[in-house]
Amino acid sequence: MVREATQSQRKLDEFDASEDIFVPMAHDSNAADTIELYPKAIDNWKNAGWKEQLPWAFLNDFQVEES
């Protein structure tokens, strides 16, 4: 089962490498803070910069201590 999941992820990586394809992951807890959810359309994802923003959104989960 792990092997199949790894193969599926590698296939998704091929699509995700294209600048013209946006592959949001279903269980990404930060997606709701970055993209508009159903029933709103996500046709404007490229102009909104969601592909570039979403992979780094998890950084908001961390607190930085001030020195």
Protein backbone atom coordinates (compact mmCIF):
# COMPACT_ATOMS: atom_id res chain seq x y z
CA MET A 1 0.00 0.00 0.00
CA VAL A 2 2.82 2.43 0.81
CA ARG A 3 4.45 1.63 -2.52
CA GLU A 4 1.23 2.46 -4.39
CA ALA A 5 0.84 5.72 -2.48
CA THR A 6 4.42 6.68 -3.30
CA GLN A 7 3.85 5.91 -6.97
CA SER A 8 0.67 8.01 -6.99
CA GLN A 9 2.50 10.93 -5.38
CA ARG A 10 5.28 10.73 -7.98
CA LYS A 11 2.72 10.83 -10.77
CA LEU A 12 1.10 13.90 -9.20
CA ASP A 13 4.54 15.52 -8.95
CA GLU A 14 4.84 15.32 -12.74
CA PHE A 15 1.64 17.32 -13.16
CA ASP A 16 2.52 19.73 -10.38
CA ALA A 17 5.80 20.58 -12.10
CA SER A 18 3.87 22.34 -14.86
CA GLU A 19 3.28 26.06 -14.38
CA ASP A 20 -0.12 25.59 -16.05
CA ILE A 21 -1.46 22.97 -13.63
CA PHE A 22 -2.52 23.56 -10.02
CA VAL A 23 -2.68 20.44 -7.82
CA PRO A 24 -4.04 21.30 -4.36
CA MET A 25 -4.00 18.36 -1.96
CA ALA A 26 -7.36 17.41 -0.46
CA HIS A 27 -6.20 17.19 3.15
CA ASP A 28 -3.92 20.22 3.21
CA SER A 29 -5.14 22.07 6.30
CA ASN A 30 -3.79 25.38 4.97
CA ALA A 31 -5.68 25.24 1.68
CA ALA A 32 -8.75 26.97 3.11
CA ASP A 33 -6.61 29.95 4.14
CA THR A 34 -5.06 30.26 0.67
CA ILE A 35 -7.62 29.26 -1.95
CA GLU A 36 -11.32 29.91 -2.35
CA LEU A 37 -13.36 26.80 -1.67
CA TYR A 38 -16.44 25.32 -3.33
CA PRO A 39 -18.83 26.61 -4.54
CA LYS A 40 -16.56 29.45 -5.62
CA ALA A 41 -14.58 28.92 -8.82
CA ILE A 42 -10.81 28.61 -8.68
CA ASP A 43 -10.30 29.51 -12.35
CA ASN A 44 -8.18 32.51 -11.36
CA TRP A 45 -5.63 30.38 -9.39
CA LYS A 46 -2.72 31.37 -11.61
CA ASN A 47 -3.28 35.14 -11.38
CA ALA A 48 -3.95 34.83 -7.64
CA GLY A 49 -0.59 33.09 -7.17
CA TRP A 50 -2.06 30.17 -5.21
CA LYS A 51 0.37 27.62 -6.65
CA GLU A 52 3.29 29.61 -5.25
CA GLN A 53 1.60 30.48 -1.95
CA LEU A 54 0.12 27.15 -0.89
CA PRO A 55 3.32 25.06 -0.55
CA TRP A 56 4.66 27.59 1.96
CA ALA A 57 1.44 28.23 3.88
CA PHE A 58 2.34 25.57 6.46
CA LEU A 59 4.98 27.98 7.80
CA ASN A 60 2.13 29.94 9.37
CA ASP A 61 1.69 27.00 11.76
CA PHE A 62 4.97 27.84 13.48
CA GLN A 63 5.65 30.61 15.95
CA VAL A 64 8.95 32.42 15.81
CA GLU A 65 10.44 33.37 19.11
CA GLU A 66 11.80 36.88 19.25
CA SER A 67 15.30 37.19 20.61
